[in-house]
Structures are given as C-alpha cells and as structure tokens.
Amino acid sequence: MQPISIDALHRCDGVRLRRFLTRLLGNPADAADAHQETYLLMLAALSRTQVEKPSAFLFQIANNVALRMRNRQRLEGRIFQPTSDADWAGIVDAFALPERQAMARQELRRLAAAIDELPPRCREAFLLARIDGLPNGEVAARLGISRNMVEKHLIKALLHCRRRCGDLF
C-alpha cells in the first residue's frame, strides 16, 4: 500500500468535502472550520495507521466533525437563549464583569467537551432530555429505547460531566 499524501487528498476531494460540510452545517464559515479540523484529524490518523480508502475515511471524519459542531451549537443555543427579563438581567450583569464572562465561556467549553466525549446514543439522550427539555418517555420514544435505558444514559452522562467539570455540577 502506497502512503497517502494529504496534499493529493486535498486536491482530489477538497472542493467536494467543503460542499459536503457546507450542506451539513448550513454555514460557509462553520464549514471552513470543520474542513480544517477534518484534515488535521486525518493527518493525525495517517500518522498512526494505514488507511485503505482514504477518501471514504476523510468523509467519515468530516461527518463526525460536523455532528460534533452541530451538537455544540445546539447546546450553546439553548444555554445562551434567554427566555425572560430575568435571564436578560443576568446576561447584562455578566457583561459588566469581563472576568465572569471569560470564566463562563471556559466552563461552557469544558461542558461542551465533556458532552462531546459521551457515546453517541448517551449524548443524544442527554441533549434531548436536558437541553431540549423533553420528558424521559418522549426521549425513549424518539430513540426507540426504554425509559429505563434513557435514565441509565442520563445518569451516565451526568456522572461523566460531573467528573470532567466538577464544580459546574
């Protein structure tokens, strides 16, 4: 098997990959970020292993990167979407103290990273229940699993987030 050149892969699949990511993310700026991250991950993977079908592997990495970005955007959208005047007052207060704002951003990044580390099914159950606010029964119906399994996923996710983020939980 001949070694794969990232440059050759980029020349061959770069434009197609950018279109693919733009379609998945709906935003050229996010697609550009995902495009770069995809190639960085591909480069790291190629340094550790040989890949039989580099193009297919590249697009699988891109799909995973886009999925993580969408989940993070959904989480950030729910967290930063104020619903009442009291919520707006808290945001205004946070802007008054830049160090509090910076600390909040760091905590949010830690939480988003912890959620990204969860297994896909566990992460989806957690996001549906805790971010979208769905009751456990509806989460179970959407995912085609039992309520008991939803509760197990939620416990696992909360314990993981508590371990990773400590003082946030």
N, C-alpha and C. Protein backbone atom coordinates (compact mmCIF):
# COMPACT_ATOMS: atom_id res chain seq x y z
N MET A 1 0.84 -1.18 0.00
CA MET A 1 0.00 0.00 0.00
C MET A 1 0.89 1.25 0.00
N GLN A 2 0.57 2.18 -0.88
CA GLN A 2 1.36 3.40 -1.03
C GLN A 2 0.92 4.44 0.01
N PRO A 3 1.87 5.18 0.59
CA PRO A 3 1.50 6.21 1.56
C PRO A 3 0.60 7.27 0.93
N ILE A 4 -0.30 7.80 1.74
CA ILE A 4 -1.27 8.78 1.27
C ILE A 4 -0.73 10.18 1.55
N SER A 5 -0.82 11.04 0.55
CA SER A 5 -0.41 12.42 0.70
C SER A 5 -1.64 13.27 1.01
N ILE A 6 -1.56 14.05 2.08
CA ILE A 6 -2.67 14.94 2.44
C ILE A 6 -2.90 15.95 1.31
N ASP A 7 -1.81 16.43 0.70
CA ASP A 7 -1.95 17.39 -0.41
C ASP A 7 -2.72 16.77 -1.57
N ALA A 8 -2.37 15.53 -1.92
CA ALA A 8 -3.07 14.86 -3.02
C ALA A 8 -4.53 14.63 -2.67
N LEU A 9 -4.78 14.25 -1.43
CA LEU A 9 -6.16 14.04 -0.98
C LEU A 9 -6.94 15.34 -1.04
N HIS A 10 -6.30 16.42 -0.62
CA HIS A 10 -6.95 17.74 -0.65
C HIS A 10 -7.24 18.17 -2.09
N ARG A 11 -6.30 17.95 -2.99
CA ARG A 11 -6.53 18.31 -4.40
C ARG A 11 -7.67 17.49 -4.99
N CYS A 12 -7.75 16.24 -4.61
CA CYS A 12 -8.76 15.34 -5.16
C CYS A 12 -10.15 15.57 -4.56
N ASP A 13 -10.21 15.74 -3.23
CA ASP A 13 -11.50 15.77 -2.54
C ASP A 13 -11.83 17.09 -1.84
N GLY A 14 -10.92 18.05 -1.87
CA GLY A 14 -11.09 19.28 -1.09
C GLY A 14 -12.38 20.04 -1.39
N VAL A 15 -12.67 20.25 -2.67
CA VAL A 15 -13.86 21.02 -3.05
C VAL A 15 -15.13 20.25 -2.69
N ARG A 16 -15.13 18.96 -2.98
CA ARG A 16 -16.29 18.12 -2.63
C ARG A 16 -16.53 18.09 -1.13
N LEU A 17 -15.43 18.00 -0.38
CA LEU A 17 -15.53 17.98 1.08
C LEU A 17 -16.10 19.29 1.60
N ARG A 18 -15.64 20.41 1.06
CA ARG A 18 -16.15 21.72 1.50
C ARG A 18 -17.65 21.83 1.23
N ARG A 19 -18.10 21.39 0.05
CA ARG A 19 -19.54 21.42 -0.28
C ARG A 19 -20.32 20.52 0.68
N PHE A 20 -19.78 19.35 0.95
CA PHE A 20 -20.41 18.39 1.86
C PHE A 20 -20.59 19.03 3.24
N LEU A 21 -19.55 19.65 3.76
CA LEU A 21 -19.62 20.27 5.09
C LEU A 21 -20.55 21.48 5.09
N THR A 22 -20.55 22.26 4.03
CA THR A 22 -21.46 23.41 3.95
C THR A 22 -22.90 22.94 3.95
N ARG A 23 -23.17 21.86 3.24
CA ARG A 23 -24.53 21.29 3.22
C ARG A 23 -24.93 20.79 4.62
N LEU A 24 -24.01 20.13 5.31
CA LEU A 24 -24.32 19.60 6.64
C LEU A 24 -24.49 20.71 7.68
N LEU A 25 -23.64 21.73 7.60
CA LEU A 25 -23.63 22.76 8.64
C LEU A 25 -24.44 24.01 8.26
N GLY A 26 -24.70 24.20 6.96
CA GLY A 26 -25.51 25.32 6.53
C GLY A 26 -24.84 26.67 6.65
N ASN A 27 -23.53 26.69 6.80
CA ASN A 27 -22.84 27.94 7.02
C ASN A 27 -21.41 27.80 6.50
N PRO A 28 -21.00 28.64 5.53
CA PRO A 28 -19.65 28.51 4.96
C PRO A 28 -18.53 28.71 5.99
N ALA A 29 -18.74 29.58 6.96
CA ALA A 29 -17.70 29.82 7.97
C ALA A 29 -17.51 28.58 8.85
N ASP A 30 -18.61 27.98 9.29
CA ASP A 30 -18.51 26.75 10.08
C ASP A 30 -17.93 25.61 9.24
N ALA A 31 -18.32 25.57 7.96
CA ALA A 31 -17.80 24.54 7.07
C ALA A 31 -16.28 24.69 6.92
N ALA A 32 -15.79 25.92 6.84
CA ALA A 32 -14.35 26.14 6.72
C ALA A 32 -13.62 25.64 7.97
N ASP A 33 -14.19 25.91 9.15
CA ASP A 33 -13.59 25.43 10.40
C ASP A 33 -13.59 23.90 10.43
N ALA A 34 -14.72 23.31 10.05
CA ALA A 34 -14.83 21.85 10.06
C ALA A 34 -13.88 21.23 9.02
N HIS A 35 -13.73 21.90 7.90
CA HIS A 35 -12.82 21.44 6.83
C HIS A 35 -11.40 21.35 7.36
N GLN A 36 -10.98 22.39 8.04
CA GLN A 36 -9.62 22.41 8.59
C GLN A 36 -9.46 21.34 9.67
N GLU A 37 -10.43 21.25 10.56
CA GLU A 37 -10.34 20.25 11.63
C GLU A 37 -10.32 18.83 11.06
N THR A 38 -11.08 18.60 9.99
CA THR A 38 -11.12 17.29 9.35
C THR A 38 -9.74 16.89 8.84
N TYR A 39 -9.07 17.81 8.16
CA TYR A 39 -7.74 17.49 7.64
C TYR A 39 -6.72 17.29 8.76
N LEU A 40 -6.86 18.05 9.83
CA LEU A 40 -5.95 17.85 10.97
C LEU A 40 -6.15 16.46 11.58
N LEU A 41 -7.40 16.06 11.73
CA LEU A 41 -7.68 14.73 12.27
C LEU A 41 -7.22 13.63 11.31
N MET A 42 -7.39 13.87 10.03
CA MET A 42 -6.95 12.89 9.03
C MET A 42 -5.44 12.75 9.08
N LEU A 43 -4.74 13.86 9.18
CA LEU A 43 -3.28 13.84 9.27
C LEU A 43 -2.83 13.05 10.50
N ALA A 44 -3.50 13.29 11.63
CA ALA A 44 -3.17 12.56 12.86
C ALA A 44 -3.44 11.06 12.69
N ALA A 45 -4.55 10.72 12.05
CA ALA A 45 -4.89 9.31 11.84
C ALA A 45 -3.87 8.62 10.93
N LEU A 46 -3.45 9.33 9.90
CA LEU A 46 -2.49 8.74 8.96
C LEU A 46 -1.13 8.53 9.59
N SER A 47 -0.82 9.30 10.62
CA SER A 47 0.47 9.11 11.29
C SER A 47 0.44 7.86 12.19
N ARG A 48 -0.75 7.36 12.50
CA ARG A 48 -0.87 6.21 13.39
C ARG A 48 -1.21 4.91 12.67
N THR A 49 -1.82 5.02 11.49
CA THR A 49 -2.31 3.81 10.84
C THR A 49 -2.34 3.97 9.32
N GLN A 50 -2.48 2.85 8.62
CA GLN A 50 -2.66 2.90 7.17
C GLN A 50 -4.15 2.85 6.88
N VAL A 51 -4.56 3.60 5.87
CA VAL A 51 -5.97 3.68 5.51
C VAL A 51 -6.15 3.13 4.10
N GLU A 52 -7.06 2.18 3.96
CA GLU A 52 -7.29 1.56 2.65
C GLU A 52 -8.05 2.49 1.71
N LYS A 53 -9.07 3.15 2.21
CA LYS A 53 -9.90 4.03 1.37
C LYS A 53 -9.87 5.43 1.98
N PRO A 54 -8.84 6.20 1.65
CA PRO A 54 -8.65 7.49 2.29
C PRO A 54 -9.80 8.47 2.06
N SER A 55 -10.38 8.47 0.88
CA SER A 55 -11.46 9.40 0.59
C SER A 55 -12.68 9.11 1.48
N ALA A 56 -13.05 7.85 1.58
CA ALA A 56 -14.19 7.46 2.42
C ALA A 56 -13.90 7.77 3.89
N PHE A 57 -12.68 7.51 4.31
CA PHE A 57 -12.29 7.78 5.69
C PHE A 57 -12.34 9.28 5.98
N LEU A 58 -11.88 10.09 5.01
CA LEU A 58 -11.90 11.54 5.15
C LEU A 58 -13.33 12.04 5.34
N PHE A 59 -14.26 11.53 4.54
CA PHE A 59 -15.65 11.98 4.64
C PHE A 59 -16.31 11.49 5.92
N GLN A 60 -15.90 10.34 6.43
CA GLN A 60 -16.43 9.88 7.71
C GLN A 60 -15.95 10.78 8.83
N ILE A 61 -14.68 11.16 8.79
CA ILE A 61 -14.15 12.12 9.78
C ILE A 61 -14.93 13.42 9.69
N ALA A 62 -15.14 13.91 8.48
CA ALA A 62 -15.86 15.17 8.28
C ALA A 62 -17.28 15.09 8.83
N ASN A 63 -17.94 13.97 8.61
CA ASN A 63 -19.30 13.79 9.13
C ASN A 63 -19.30 13.85 10.66
N ASN A 64 -18.32 13.20 11.28
CA ASN A 64 -18.23 13.22 12.75
C ASN A 64 -17.93 14.62 13.27
N VAL A 65 -17.04 15.33 12.59
CA VAL A 65 -16.72 16.71 12.99
C VAL A 65 -17.97 17.58 12.89
N ALA A 66 -18.71 17.46 11.79
CA ALA A 66 -19.92 18.26 11.60
C ALA A 66 -20.97 17.92 12.66
N LEU A 67 -21.11 16.65 12.99
CA LEU A 67 -22.06 16.24 14.02
C LEU A 67 -21.71 16.86 15.37
N ARG A 68 -20.42 16.82 15.73
CA ARG A 68 -19.99 17.44 16.99
C ARG A 68 -20.25 18.94 16.99
N MET A 69 -19.99 19.59 15.86
CA MET A 69 -20.21 21.04 15.78
C MET A 69 -21.69 21.37 15.92
N ARG A 70 -22.55 20.60 15.25
CA ARG A 70 -23.99 20.86 15.36
C ARG A 70 -24.48 20.64 16.78
N ASN A 71 -24.01 19.58 17.44
CA ASN A 71 -24.41 19.33 18.82
C ASN A 71 -23.96 20.46 19.73
N ARG A 72 -22.73 20.92 19.53
CA ARG A 72 -22.21 22.01 20.34
C ARG A 72 -23.01 23.30 20.09
N GLN A 73 -23.34 23.58 18.83
CA GLN A 73 -24.12 24.78 18.50
C GLN A 73 -25.51 24.69 19.12
N ARG A 74 -26.10 23.51 19.07
CA ARG A 74 -27.42 23.34 19.67
C ARG A 74 -27.36 23.57 21.18
N LEU A 75 -26.34 23.03 21.82
CA LEU A 75 -26.16 23.22 23.25
C LEU A 75 -25.95 24.69 23.57
N GLU A 76 -25.06 25.34 22.85
CA GLU A 76 -24.79 26.75 23.11
C GLU A 76 -26.04 27.60 22.85
N GLY A 77 -26.79 27.25 21.80
CA GLY A 77 -28.01 27.99 21.50
C GLY A 77 -29.02 27.90 22.63
N ARG A 78 -29.17 26.73 23.20
CA ARG A 78 -30.12 26.55 24.30
C ARG A 78 -29.62 27.24 25.57
N ILE A 79 -28.33 27.18 25.81
CA ILE A 79 -27.79 27.77 27.03
C ILE A 79 -27.85 29.29 26.96
N PHE A 80 -27.56 29.85 25.80
CA PHE A 80 -27.48 31.30 25.67
C PHE A 80 -28.76 31.94 25.16
N GLN A 81 -29.84 31.20 25.13
CA GLN A 81 -31.10 31.75 24.65
C GLN A 81 -31.96 32.17 25.84
N PRO A 82 -31.92 33.47 26.21
CA PRO A 82 -32.71 33.91 27.36
C PRO A 82 -34.21 33.87 27.05
N THR A 83 -34.98 33.54 28.07
CA THR A 83 -36.42 33.41 27.86
C THR A 83 -37.23 34.42 28.66
N SER A 84 -36.60 35.18 29.53
CA SER A 84 -37.35 36.15 30.32
C SER A 84 -36.48 37.36 30.62
N ASP A 85 -37.09 38.41 31.16
CA ASP A 85 -36.34 39.61 31.52
C ASP A 85 -35.28 39.30 32.58
N ALA A 86 -35.58 38.36 33.47
CA ALA A 86 -34.60 37.98 34.50
C ALA A 86 -33.37 37.37 33.85
N ASP A 87 -33.57 36.57 32.79
CA ASP A 87 -32.43 35.99 32.08
C ASP A 87 -31.58 37.09 31.44
N TRP A 88 -32.26 38.09 30.85
CA TRP A 88 -31.53 39.20 30.23
C TRP A 88 -30.73 39.96 31.27
N ALA A 89 -31.31 40.13 32.45
CA ALA A 89 -30.60 40.86 33.51
C ALA A 89 -29.33 40.12 33.90
N GLY A 90 -29.38 38.80 33.94
CA GLY A 90 -28.20 38.02 34.27
C GLY A 90 -27.12 38.16 33.21
N ILE A 91 -27.54 38.25 31.95
CA ILE A 91 -26.57 38.42 30.87
C ILE A 91 -25.94 39.80 30.94
N VAL A 92 -26.75 40.82 31.18
CA VAL A 92 -26.22 42.19 31.29
C VAL A 92 -25.23 42.25 32.43
N ASP A 93 -25.57 41.63 33.57
CA ASP A 93 -24.67 41.60 34.71
C ASP A 93 -23.37 40.90 34.36
N ALA A 94 -23.44 39.81 33.59
CA ALA A 94 -22.24 39.09 33.21
C ALA A 94 -21.34 39.95 32.33
N PHE A 95 -21.95 40.78 31.49
CA PHE A 95 -21.15 41.65 30.65
C PHE A 95 -20.47 42.74 31.45
N ALA A 96 -21.03 43.07 32.61
CA ALA A 96 -20.43 44.11 33.44
C ALA A 96 -19.10 43.65 34.02
N LEU A 97 -18.92 42.36 34.17
CA LEU A 97 -17.68 41.82 34.72
C LEU A 97 -17.02 40.90 33.70
N PRO A 98 -16.05 41.41 32.94
CA PRO A 98 -15.43 40.61 31.88
C PRO A 98 -14.81 39.31 32.39
N GLU A 99 -14.29 39.31 33.60
CA GLU A 99 -13.70 38.07 34.11
C GLU A 99 -14.76 37.01 34.33
N ARG A 100 -15.97 37.42 34.75
CA ARG A 100 -17.05 36.44 34.90
C ARG A 100 -17.45 35.88 33.54
N GLN A 101 -17.46 36.75 32.54
CA GLN A 101 -17.81 36.31 31.19
C GLN A 101 -16.78 35.31 30.69
N ALA A 102 -15.50 35.59 30.88
CA ALA A 102 -14.44 34.68 30.45
C ALA A 102 -14.54 33.34 31.18
N MET A 103 -14.81 33.39 32.47
CA MET A 103 -14.95 32.16 33.25
C MET A 103 -16.14 31.34 32.75
N ALA A 104 -17.24 32.02 32.44
CA ALA A 104 -18.43 31.32 31.95
C ALA A 104 -18.14 30.64 30.61
N ARG A 105 -17.40 31.32 29.75
CA ARG A 105 -17.04 30.72 28.46
C ARG A 105 -16.17 29.48 28.65
N GLN A 106 -15.22 29.57 29.57
CA GLN A 106 -14.36 28.41 29.84
C GLN A 106 -15.18 27.24 30.37
N GLU A 107 -16.10 27.53 31.28
CA GLU A 107 -16.95 26.47 31.83
C GLU A 107 -17.81 25.85 30.74
N LEU A 108 -18.33 26.70 29.86
CA LEU A 108 -19.16 26.20 28.76
C LEU A 108 -18.34 25.30 27.84
N ARG A 109 -17.11 25.70 27.53
CA ARG A 109 -16.24 24.87 26.69
C ARG A 109 -15.97 23.52 27.36
N ARG A 110 -15.72 23.54 28.67
CA ARG A 110 -15.47 22.29 29.39
C ARG A 110 -16.70 21.39 29.34
N LEU A 111 -17.86 21.98 29.53
CA LEU A 111 -19.10 21.20 29.50
C LEU A 111 -19.35 20.64 28.09
N ALA A 112 -19.18 21.47 27.07
CA ALA A 112 -19.39 21.01 25.69
C ALA A 112 -18.41 19.89 25.35
N ALA A 113 -17.17 20.01 25.78
CA ALA A 113 -16.17 18.96 25.52
C ALA A 113 -16.56 17.67 26.23
N ALA A 114 -17.05 17.79 27.46
CA ALA A 114 -17.47 16.60 28.21
C ALA A 114 -18.65 15.92 27.51
N ILE A 115 -19.59 16.70 27.01
CA ILE A 115 -20.74 16.14 26.30
C ILE A 115 -20.29 15.49 25.00
N ASP A 116 -19.34 16.11 24.30
CA ASP A 116 -18.82 15.53 23.06
C ASP A 116 -18.16 14.17 23.28
N GLU A 117 -17.63 13.94 24.47
CA GLU A 117 -16.94 12.68 24.77
C GLU A 117 -17.90 11.52 25.03
N LEU A 118 -19.17 11.83 25.26
CA LEU A 118 -20.15 10.78 25.55
C LEU A 118 -20.36 9.89 24.33
N PRO A 119 -20.70 8.62 24.54
CA PRO A 119 -21.07 7.77 23.40
C PRO A 119 -22.28 8.38 22.69
N PRO A 120 -22.41 8.19 21.38
CA PRO A 120 -23.45 8.87 20.61
C PRO A 120 -24.87 8.72 21.17
N ARG A 121 -25.27 7.51 21.51
CA ARG A 121 -26.64 7.29 22.00
C ARG A 121 -26.86 7.98 23.34
N CYS A 122 -25.88 7.90 24.21
CA CYS A 122 -25.94 8.55 25.52
C CYS A 122 -26.01 10.07 25.35
N ARG A 123 -25.18 10.60 24.45
CA ARG A 123 -25.17 12.05 24.19
C ARG A 123 -26.51 12.51 23.66
N GLU A 124 -27.08 11.76 22.72
CA GLU A 124 -28.37 12.15 22.14
C GLU A 124 -29.47 12.15 23.20
N ALA A 125 -29.50 11.13 24.06
CA ALA A 125 -30.50 11.09 25.13
C ALA A 125 -30.32 12.27 26.07
N PHE A 126 -29.08 12.57 26.41
CA PHE A 126 -28.79 13.69 27.31
C PHE A 126 -29.24 15.02 26.69
N LEU A 127 -28.89 15.24 25.42
CA LEU A 127 -29.26 16.50 24.77
C LEU A 127 -30.78 16.65 24.64
N LEU A 128 -31.46 15.56 24.30
CA LEU A 128 -32.92 15.62 24.18
C LEU A 128 -33.58 15.93 25.53
N ALA A 129 -33.08 15.29 26.58
CA ALA A 129 -33.70 15.45 27.91
C ALA A 129 -33.29 16.77 28.58
N ARG A 130 -32.01 17.06 28.59
CA ARG A 130 -31.53 18.21 29.37
C ARG A 130 -31.48 19.51 28.59
N ILE A 131 -31.25 19.45 27.29
CA ILE A 131 -31.15 20.67 26.50
C ILE A 131 -32.48 20.99 25.83
N ASP A 132 -33.09 19.99 25.20
CA ASP A 132 -34.38 20.22 24.55
C ASP A 132 -35.54 20.16 25.54
N GLY A 133 -35.29 19.63 26.73
CA GLY A 133 -36.31 19.61 27.78
C GLY A 133 -37.40 18.58 27.60
N LEU A 134 -37.13 17.53 26.84
CA LEU A 134 -38.15 16.50 26.63
C LEU A 134 -38.25 15.58 27.84
N PRO A 135 -39.46 15.14 28.16
CA PRO A 135 -39.59 14.15 29.25
C PRO A 135 -38.96 12.82 28.83
N ASN A 136 -38.57 12.04 29.83
CA ASN A 136 -37.88 10.78 29.55
C ASN A 136 -38.68 9.84 28.65
N GLY A 137 -39.99 9.82 28.81
CA GLY A 137 -40.84 8.97 27.98
C GLY A 137 -40.75 9.36 26.50
N GLU A 138 -40.73 10.67 26.23
CA GLU A 138 -40.65 11.12 24.85
C GLU A 138 -39.25 10.85 24.26
N VAL A 139 -38.23 11.01 25.09
CA VAL A 139 -36.87 10.69 24.66
C VAL A 139 -36.80 9.21 24.28
N ALA A 140 -37.38 8.37 25.12
CA ALA A 140 -37.40 6.93 24.87
C ALA A 140 -38.09 6.62 23.54
N ALA A 141 -39.24 7.26 23.31
CA ALA A 141 -39.99 7.02 22.08
C ALA A 141 -39.18 7.48 20.86
N ARG A 142 -38.55 8.63 20.95
CA ARG A 142 -37.77 9.14 19.81
C ARG A 142 -36.58 8.26 19.49
N LEU A 143 -35.94 7.74 20.52
CA LEU A 143 -34.74 6.93 20.31
C LEU A 143 -35.04 5.44 20.15
N GLY A 144 -36.29 5.06 20.39
CA GLY A 144 -36.66 3.65 20.26
C GLY A 144 -36.05 2.78 21.35
N ILE A 145 -35.96 3.33 22.56
CA ILE A 145 -35.40 2.58 23.69
C ILE A 145 -36.36 2.71 24.87
N SER A 146 -36.12 1.97 25.93
CA SER A 146 -37.00 2.02 27.09
C SER A 146 -36.70 3.26 27.94
N ARG A 147 -37.68 3.63 28.76
CA ARG A 147 -37.47 4.74 29.71
C ARG A 147 -36.31 4.43 30.65
N ASN A 148 -36.23 3.18 31.06
CA ASN A 148 -35.17 2.75 31.95
C ASN A 148 -33.80 3.00 31.31
N MET A 149 -33.69 2.71 30.01
CA MET A 149 -32.43 2.93 29.31
C MET A 149 -32.13 4.42 29.20
N VAL A 150 -33.16 5.23 29.00
CA VAL A 150 -32.96 6.69 28.95
C VAL A 150 -32.40 7.15 30.29
N GLU A 151 -32.97 6.67 31.38
CA GLU A 151 -32.50 7.07 32.71
C GLU A 151 -31.06 6.62 32.93
N LYS A 152 -30.70 5.42 32.45
CA LYS A 152 -29.32 4.96 32.57
C LYS A 152 -28.38 5.86 31.78
N HIS A 153 -28.80 6.24 30.56
CA HIS A 153 -27.98 7.16 29.75
C HIS A 153 -27.80 8.50 30.47
N LEU A 154 -28.88 9.01 31.05
CA LEU A 154 -28.80 10.31 31.73
C LEU A 154 -27.88 10.24 32.95
N ILE A 155 -27.98 9.17 33.71
CA ILE A 155 -27.10 9.01 34.88
C ILE A 155 -25.65 8.94 34.43
N LYS A 156 -25.40 8.14 33.40
CA LYS A 156 -24.04 8.02 32.88
C LYS A 156 -23.51 9.38 32.40
N ALA A 157 -24.35 10.13 31.68
CA ALA A 157 -23.93 11.44 31.16
C ALA A 157 -23.66 12.41 32.30
N LEU A 158 -24.54 12.45 33.28
CA LEU A 158 -24.36 13.37 34.40
C LEU A 158 -23.12 13.03 35.22
N LEU A 159 -22.90 11.75 35.45
CA LEU A 159 -21.69 11.35 36.18
C LEU A 159 -20.43 11.72 35.41
N HIS A 160 -20.46 11.50 34.12
CA HIS A 160 -19.31 11.84 33.28
C HIS A 160 -19.05 13.35 33.31
N CYS A 161 -20.11 14.13 33.15
CA CYS A 161 -19.96 15.59 33.17
C CYS A 161 -19.49 16.08 34.54
N ARG A 162 -19.98 15.45 35.58
CA ARG A 162 -19.55 15.83 36.93
C ARG A 162 -18.06 15.53 37.12
N ARG A 163 -17.61 14.37 36.63
CA ARG A 163 -16.18 14.03 36.73
C ARG A 163 -15.32 15.02 35.94
N ARG A 164 -15.79 15.39 34.74
CA ARG A 164 -15.00 16.27 33.87
C ARG A 164 -15.09 17.74 34.27
N CYS A 165 -16.23 18.14 34.81
CA CYS A 165 -16.45 19.57 35.08
C CYS A 165 -16.54 19.89 36.56
N GLY A 166 -16.52 18.89 37.40
CA GLY A 166 -16.50 19.06 38.84
C GLY A 166 -17.45 20.10 39.40
N ASP A 167 -16.94 21.29 39.61
CA ASP A 167 -17.66 22.34 40.30
C ASP A 167 -18.87 22.87 39.54
N LEU A 168 -19.01 22.56 38.27
CA LEU A 168 -20.18 23.02 37.50
C LEU A 168 -21.44 22.24 37.87
N PHE A 169 -21.24 21.01 38.40
CA PHE A 169 -22.40 20.16 38.69
C PHE A 169 -22.56 20.01 40.15
